[in-house]
Amino acid sequence: MPLSQTAGLLQTSRMLRCLDIILSGFGLLVAAPVLLLLLIVGWFDTGTPLFRQTRVGRHQEPFTLVKLRTMRPDTKSVATHLADATAITGFGRFLRRTKLDELPQLWNVLKGEMSLVGPRPCLFSQAELIQERESRKVFSARPGITGLAQVQGIDMSTPAKLAETDAAMLQDLNVRQYLRYIALTILGRGKGDRVRQ
């Protein structure tokens, strides 16, 4: 890779990280009252409103992802598309539909474990997806809250297609595309991971 191209990619990466810090910090401040309300409702719904799970991060390093709980606490820890839809609570359905369950992940972004835009982080048990992503160098980037696959409705039930889409997104990712994916997500594009019916 030419030196000028490498320098350009490094500059873009730094700009995106700066945007991550600014937007996630601002988002946490603005959303704090809403998040507090959701935590209170979640407490009455399941007794444990925060959901923590070890996921595969950048360079395949483990990190703890934080979300608002949408399923019963006794639900088996599996990929979303393998989970039973009956495990989702009524409040959880609301959180998933509005994507408000993702709000705590802004903390993961602020810490540098995630980006606002990137491949959705998978579980270490998802061997096929890990292999597909590894072969396409997807793990060189921070995992994200949203991205090309999410706004196109591609989820972890199709590992090869997801990894291919992730790689294509990372190859063309710049500030304009980064902001576009965020805007499309806010406007309701994409449904997230499907749950087994």
C-alpha atoms as a PDB file:
ATOM      1  CA  MET A   1       0.000   0.000   0.000  1.00  0.00           C
ATOM      2  CA  PRO A   2       1.442   3.436  -0.960  1.00  0.00           C
ATOM      3  CA  LEU A   3       2.599   5.629   1.929  1.00  0.00           C
ATOM      4  CA  SER A   4       0.138   8.402   0.999  1.00  0.00           C
ATOM      5  CA  GLN A   5      -2.780   5.944   1.071  1.00  0.00           C
ATOM      6  CA  THR A   6      -1.683   4.576   4.443  1.00  0.00           C
ATOM      7  CA  ALA A   7      -1.460   8.123   5.839  1.00  0.00           C
ATOM      8  CA  GLY A   8      -4.924   8.889   4.475  1.00  0.00           C
ATOM      9  CA  LEU A   9      -6.430   5.810   6.117  1.00  0.00           C
ATOM     10  CA  LEU A  10      -4.761   6.682   9.415  1.00  0.00           C
ATOM     11  CA  GLN A  11      -6.131  10.233   9.270  1.00  0.00           C
ATOM     12  CA  THR A  12      -9.643   8.943   8.499  1.00  0.00           C
ATOM     13  CA  SER A  13      -9.388   6.473  11.384  1.00  0.00           C
ATOM     14  CA  ARG A  14      -8.411   9.272  13.778  1.00  0.00           C
ATOM     15  CA  MET A  15     -11.248  11.489  12.565  1.00  0.00           C
ATOM     16  CA  LEU A  16     -13.784   8.705  13.045  1.00  0.00           C
ATOM     17  CA  ARG A  17     -12.475   8.013  16.544  1.00  0.00           C
ATOM     18  CA  CYS A  18     -12.816  11.720  17.393  1.00  0.00           C
ATOM     19  CA  LEU A  19     -16.401  11.639  16.128  1.00  0.00           C
ATOM     20  CA  ASP A  20     -17.027   8.516  18.219  1.00  0.00           C
ATOM     21  CA  ILE A  21     -15.856  10.299  21.371  1.00  0.00           C
ATOM     22  CA  ILE A  22     -17.789  13.506  20.683  1.00  0.00           C
ATOM     23  CA  LEU A  23     -21.050  11.860  19.598  1.00  0.00           C
ATOM     24  CA  SER A  24     -21.087   9.102  22.226  1.00  0.00           C
ATOM     25  CA  GLY A  25     -20.244  11.552  25.021  1.00  0.00           C
ATOM     26  CA  PHE A  26     -22.926  13.967  23.831  1.00  0.00           C
ATOM     27  CA  GLY A  27     -25.381  11.111  23.380  1.00  0.00           C
ATOM     28  CA  LEU A  28     -24.852   9.837  26.917  1.00  0.00           C
ATOM     29  CA  LEU A  29     -25.395  13.316  28.360  1.00  0.00           C
ATOM     30  CA  VAL A  30     -28.550  14.000  26.350  1.00  0.00           C
ATOM     31  CA  ALA A  31     -29.975  10.502  26.808  1.00  0.00           C
ATOM     32  CA  ALA A  32     -29.197  10.275  30.547  1.00  0.00           C
ATOM     33  CA  PRO A  33     -32.784  11.098  31.719  1.00  0.00           C
ATOM     34  CA  VAL A  34     -34.283   8.660  29.178  1.00  0.00           C
ATOM     35  CA  LEU A  35     -31.763   5.984  30.122  1.00  0.00           C
ATOM     36  CA  LEU A  36     -32.558   6.430  33.808  1.00  0.00           C
ATOM     37  CA  LEU A  37     -36.282   6.058  33.103  1.00  0.00           C
ATOM     38  CA  LEU A  38     -35.678   2.939  30.992  1.00  0.00           C
ATOM     39  CA  LEU A  39     -33.518   1.437  33.754  1.00  0.00           C
ATOM     40  CA  ILE A  40     -36.298   2.001  36.302  1.00  0.00           C
ATOM     41  CA  VAL A  41     -38.936   0.426  34.035  1.00  0.00           C
ATOM     42  CA  GLY A  42     -36.504  -2.393  33.231  1.00  0.00           C
ATOM     43  CA  TRP A  43     -35.989  -3.021  36.927  1.00  0.00           C
ATOM     44  CA  PHE A  44     -39.721  -3.651  37.347  1.00  0.00           C
ATOM     45  CA  ASP A  45     -39.778  -5.703  34.140  1.00  0.00           C
ATOM     46  CA  THR A  46     -36.953  -8.179  34.826  1.00  0.00           C
ATOM     47  CA  GLY A  47     -35.232  -7.136  38.073  1.00  0.00           C
ATOM     48  CA  THR A  48     -31.923  -6.764  36.186  1.00  0.00           C
ATOM     49  CA  PRO A  49     -32.308  -4.012  33.571  1.00  0.00           C
ATOM     50  CA  LEU A  50     -28.718  -4.091  32.302  1.00  0.00           C
ATOM     51  CA  PHE A  51     -27.473  -6.955  30.143  1.00  0.00           C
ATOM     52  CA  ARG A  52     -23.729  -7.681  29.975  1.00  0.00           C
ATOM     53  CA  GLN A  53     -22.186 -10.171  27.588  1.00  0.00           C
ATOM     54  CA  THR A  54     -18.642 -10.984  26.466  1.00  0.00           C
ATOM     55  CA  ARG A  55     -18.226 -10.288  22.752  1.00  0.00           C
ATOM     56  CA  VAL A  56     -15.441 -10.459  20.168  1.00  0.00           C
ATOM     57  CA  GLY A  57     -13.765  -7.065  19.818  1.00  0.00           C
ATOM     58  CA  ARG A  58     -11.065  -5.537  17.684  1.00  0.00           C
ATOM     59  CA  HIS A  59      -8.220  -7.980  16.907  1.00  0.00           C
ATOM     60  CA  GLN A  60     -10.518 -10.636  18.453  1.00  0.00           C
ATOM     61  CA  GLU A  61      -9.925  -9.292  21.951  1.00  0.00           C
ATOM     62  CA  PRO A  62     -12.817  -9.930  24.369  1.00  0.00           C
ATOM     63  CA  PHE A  63     -14.826  -7.037  25.795  1.00  0.00           C
ATOM     64  CA  THR A  64     -18.028  -6.714  27.802  1.00  0.00           C
ATOM     65  CA  LEU A  65     -20.910  -5.314  25.773  1.00  0.00           C
ATOM     66  CA  VAL A  66     -23.626  -3.505  27.739  1.00  0.00           C
ATOM     67  CA  LYS A  67     -27.252  -3.251  26.619  1.00  0.00           C
ATOM     68  CA  LEU A  68     -30.663  -2.822  28.178  1.00  0.00           C
ATOM     69  CA  ARG A  69     -32.117  -6.259  28.856  1.00  0.00           C
ATOM     70  CA  THR A  70     -34.856  -7.325  26.440  1.00  0.00           C
ATOM     71  CA  MET A  71     -35.129 -11.006  27.397  1.00  0.00           C
ATOM     72  CA  ARG A  72     -35.822 -12.839  30.622  1.00  0.00           C
ATOM     73  CA  PRO A  73     -32.723 -13.185  32.835  1.00  0.00           C
ATOM     74  CA  ASP A  74     -32.804 -17.003  32.594  1.00  0.00           C
ATOM     75  CA  THR A  75     -32.516 -16.952  28.776  1.00  0.00           C
ATOM     76  CA  LYS A  76     -29.644 -19.043  27.389  1.00  0.00           C
ATOM     77  CA  SER A  77     -26.704 -16.957  26.124  1.00  0.00           C
ATOM     78  CA  VAL A  78     -26.789 -17.566  22.366  1.00  0.00           C
ATOM     79  CA  ALA A  79     -26.719 -15.476  19.199  1.00  0.00           C
ATOM     80  CA  THR A  80     -29.935 -13.465  18.823  1.00  0.00           C
ATOM     81  CA  HIS A  81     -31.131 -15.379  15.747  1.00  0.00           C
ATOM     82  CA  LEU A  82     -30.938 -18.605  17.791  1.00  0.00           C
ATOM     83  CA  ALA A  83     -32.819 -17.212  20.793  1.00  0.00           C
ATOM     84  CA  ASP A  84     -36.463 -18.051  21.400  1.00  0.00           C
ATOM     85  CA  ALA A  85     -38.847 -15.163  20.670  1.00  0.00           C
ATOM     86  CA  THR A  86     -40.938 -16.106  23.719  1.00  0.00           C
ATOM     87  CA  ALA A  87     -37.998 -15.069  25.927  1.00  0.00           C
ATOM     88  CA  ILE A  88     -38.488 -11.414  24.935  1.00  0.00           C
ATOM     89  CA  THR A  89     -40.538  -9.459  27.469  1.00  0.00           C
ATOM     90  CA  GLY A  90     -43.238  -6.955  26.519  1.00  0.00           C
ATOM     91  CA  PHE A  91     -40.988  -4.054  27.485  1.00  0.00           C
ATOM     92  CA  GLY A  92     -38.134  -5.788  25.683  1.00  0.00           C
ATOM     93  CA  ARG A  93     -40.118  -5.794  22.432  1.00  0.00           C
ATOM     94  CA  PHE A  94     -40.567  -2.035  22.785  1.00  0.00           C
ATOM     95  CA  LEU A  95     -36.834  -1.556  23.424  1.00  0.00           C
ATOM     96  CA  ARG A  96     -35.855  -3.665  20.408  1.00  0.00           C
ATOM     97  CA  ARG A  97     -38.384  -2.010  18.091  1.00  0.00           C
ATOM     98  CA  THR A  98     -37.177   1.489  19.021  1.00  0.00           C
ATOM     99  CA  LYS A  99     -33.484   0.402  19.266  1.00  0.00           C
ATOM    100  CA  LEU A 100     -33.338   2.016  22.731  1.00  0.00           C
ATOM    101  CA  ASP A 101     -31.786  -1.196  24.069  1.00  0.00           C
ATOM    102  CA  GLU A 102     -28.569  -0.105  22.307  1.00  0.00           C
ATOM    103  CA  LEU A 103     -28.186   3.147  24.316  1.00  0.00           C
ATOM    104  CA  PRO A 104     -25.753   1.777  26.969  1.00  0.00           C
ATOM    105  CA  GLN A 105     -23.371   0.771  24.176  1.00  0.00           C
ATOM    106  CA  LEU A 106     -22.491   4.448  23.883  1.00  0.00           C
ATOM    107  CA  TRP A 107     -20.364   3.755  26.974  1.00  0.00           C
ATOM    108  CA  ASN A 108     -18.550   0.978  25.071  1.00  0.00           C
ATOM    109  CA  VAL A 109     -17.928   3.497  22.279  1.00  0.00           C
ATOM    110  CA  LEU A 110     -16.637   6.166  24.652  1.00  0.00           C
ATOM    111  CA  LYS A 111     -14.226   3.632  26.208  1.00  0.00           C
ATOM    112  CA  GLY A 112     -12.858   2.740  22.782  1.00  0.00           C
ATOM    113  CA  GLU A 113     -14.128  -0.847  22.760  1.00  0.00           C
ATOM    114  CA  MET A 114     -16.609  -0.074  19.997  1.00  0.00           C
ATOM    115  CA  SER A 115     -17.356   2.518  17.345  1.00  0.00           C
ATOM    116  CA  LEU A 116     -20.726   3.988  16.444  1.00  0.00           C
ATOM    117  CA  VAL A 117     -20.217   2.458  12.994  1.00  0.00           C
ATOM    118  CA  GLY A 118     -18.640  -0.950  12.470  1.00  0.00           C
ATOM    119  CA  PRO A 119     -19.365  -4.680  12.257  1.00  0.00           C
ATOM    120  CA  ARG A 120     -21.782  -5.861  14.944  1.00  0.00           C
ATOM    121  CA  PRO A 121     -19.800  -7.718  17.637  1.00  0.00           C
ATOM    122  CA  CYS A 122     -20.413 -11.456  17.729  1.00  0.00           C
ATOM    123  CA  LEU A 123     -20.063 -14.106  20.412  1.00  0.00           C
ATOM    124  CA  PHE A 124     -16.959 -16.280  20.694  1.00  0.00           C
ATOM    125  CA  SER A 125     -19.222 -19.302  20.097  1.00  0.00           C
ATOM    126  CA  GLN A 126     -20.043 -18.093  16.567  1.00  0.00           C
ATOM    127  CA  ALA A 127     -17.128 -19.932  14.988  1.00  0.00           C
ATOM    128  CA  GLU A 128     -18.358 -19.720  11.385  1.00  0.00           C
ATOM    129  CA  LEU A 129     -18.847 -15.964  11.525  1.00  0.00           C
ATOM    130  CA  ILE A 130     -15.472 -15.471  13.221  1.00  0.00           C
ATOM    131  CA  GLN A 131     -13.778 -17.515  10.500  1.00  0.00           C
ATOM    132  CA  GLU A 132     -15.541 -15.598   7.714  1.00  0.00           C
ATOM    133  CA  ARG A 133     -14.641 -12.245   9.284  1.00  0.00           C
ATOM    134  CA  GLU A 134     -11.061 -13.271   9.999  1.00  0.00           C
ATOM    135  CA  SER A 135     -10.498 -14.253   6.356  1.00  0.00           C
ATOM    136  CA  ARG A 136     -11.698 -10.799   5.284  1.00  0.00           C
ATOM    137  CA  LYS A 137      -9.699  -8.880   7.959  1.00  0.00           C
ATOM    138  CA  VAL A 138     -12.899  -7.502   9.509  1.00  0.00           C
ATOM    139  CA  PHE A 139     -11.409  -7.748  13.012  1.00  0.00           C
ATOM    140  CA  SER A 140      -8.914  -4.993  12.195  1.00  0.00           C
ATOM    141  CA  ALA A 141     -11.726  -2.527  12.976  1.00  0.00           C
ATOM    142  CA  ARG A 142     -13.628  -1.809  16.166  1.00  0.00           C
ATOM    143  CA  PRO A 143     -17.056  -3.463  16.277  1.00  0.00           C
ATOM    144  CA  GLY A 144     -19.938  -1.034  15.934  1.00  0.00           C
ATOM    145  CA  ILE A 145     -23.484  -0.286  16.972  1.00  0.00           C
ATOM    146  CA  THR A 146     -24.641   0.090  13.373  1.00  0.00           C
ATOM    147  CA  GLY A 147     -23.299  -0.207   9.861  1.00  0.00           C
ATOM    148  CA  LEU A 148     -24.039  -1.244   6.289  1.00  0.00           C
ATOM    149  CA  ALA A 149     -25.294  -4.715   7.217  1.00  0.00           C
ATOM    150  CA  GLN A 150     -27.687  -3.319   9.828  1.00  0.00           C
ATOM    151  CA  VAL A 151     -29.289  -0.722   7.544  1.00  0.00           C
ATOM    152  CA  GLN A 152     -29.667  -3.412   4.853  1.00  0.00           C
ATOM    153  CA  GLY A 153     -31.274  -5.885   7.261  1.00  0.00           C
ATOM    154  CA  ILE A 154     -28.432  -8.442   7.077  1.00  0.00           C
ATOM    155  CA  ASP A 155     -27.907 -10.222  10.390  1.00  0.00           C
ATOM    156  CA  MET A 156     -25.770 -12.972  11.945  1.00  0.00           C
ATOM    157  CA  SER A 157     -27.966 -15.784  10.626  1.00  0.00           C
ATOM    158  CA  THR A 158     -26.058 -15.518   7.305  1.00  0.00           C
ATOM    159  CA  PRO A 159     -22.364 -15.447   8.394  1.00  0.00           C
ATOM    160  CA  ALA A 160     -20.704 -15.333   4.953  1.00  0.00           C
ATOM    161  CA  LYS A 161     -23.010 -12.612   3.643  1.00  0.00           C
ATOM    162  CA  LEU A 162     -22.598 -10.590   6.831  1.00  0.00           C
ATOM    163  CA  ALA A 163     -18.793 -10.838   6.788  1.00  0.00           C
ATOM    164  CA  GLU A 164     -18.712  -9.880   3.092  1.00  0.00           C
ATOM    165  CA  THR A 165     -20.937  -6.850   3.764  1.00  0.00           C
ATOM    166  CA  ASP A 166     -18.815  -5.834   6.775  1.00  0.00           C
ATOM    167  CA  ALA A 167     -15.636  -5.995   4.694  1.00  0.00           C
ATOM    168  CA  ALA A 168     -17.210  -3.923   1.901  1.00  0.00           C
ATOM    169  CA  MET A 169     -18.321  -1.287   4.424  1.00  0.00           C
ATOM    170  CA  LEU A 170     -14.868  -1.025   6.027  1.00  0.00           C
ATOM    171  CA  GLN A 171     -13.166  -0.696   2.657  1.00  0.00           C
ATOM    172  CA  ASP A 172     -15.207   2.401   1.785  1.00  0.00           C
ATOM    173  CA  LEU A 173     -15.755   3.834   5.271  1.00  0.00           C
ATOM    174  CA  ASN A 174     -15.180   7.584   5.516  1.00  0.00           C
ATOM    175  CA  VAL A 175     -16.729  10.457   7.476  1.00  0.00           C
ATOM    176  CA  ARG A 176     -19.591  10.868   5.001  1.00  0.00           C
ATOM    177  CA  GLN A 177     -20.518   7.170   5.069  1.00  0.00           C
ATOM    178  CA  TYR A 178     -20.098   7.051   8.856  1.00  0.00           C
ATOM    179  CA  LEU A 179     -22.622   9.881   9.292  1.00  0.00           C
ATOM    180  CA  ARG A 180     -24.932   8.343   6.679  1.00  0.00           C
ATOM    181  CA  TYR A 181     -25.165   5.005   8.527  1.00  0.00           C
ATOM    182  CA  ILE A 182     -25.896   6.803  11.805  1.00  0.00           C
ATOM    183  CA  ALA A 183     -28.590   8.946  10.160  1.00  0.00           C
ATOM    184  CA  LEU A 184     -30.242   5.925   8.505  1.00  0.00           C
ATOM    185  CA  THR A 185     -30.276   4.083  11.838  1.00  0.00           C
ATOM    186  CA  ILE A 186     -31.835   7.049  13.676  1.00  0.00           C
ATOM    187  CA  LEU A 187     -34.466   7.286  10.934  1.00  0.00           C
ATOM    188  CA  GLY A 188     -35.430   3.655  11.575  1.00  0.00           C
ATOM    189  CA  ARG A 189     -33.662   1.853   8.734  1.00  0.00           C
ATOM    190  CA  GLY A 190     -32.812  -1.758   9.534  1.00  0.00           C
ATOM    191  CA  LYS A 191     -34.400  -4.122  12.035  1.00  0.00           C
ATOM    192  CA  GLY A 192     -31.399  -5.574  13.838  1.00  0.00           C
ATOM    193  CA  ASP A 193     -30.864  -9.281  14.438  1.00  0.00           C
ATOM    194  CA  ARG A 194     -33.894 -11.441  13.786  1.00  0.00           C
ATOM    195  CA  VAL A 195     -35.166 -13.669  16.569  1.00  0.00           C
ATOM    196  CA  ARG A 196     -36.277 -17.247  15.921  1.00  0.00           C
ATOM    197  CA  GLN A 197     -40.077 -17.465  15.872  1.00  0.00           C
END
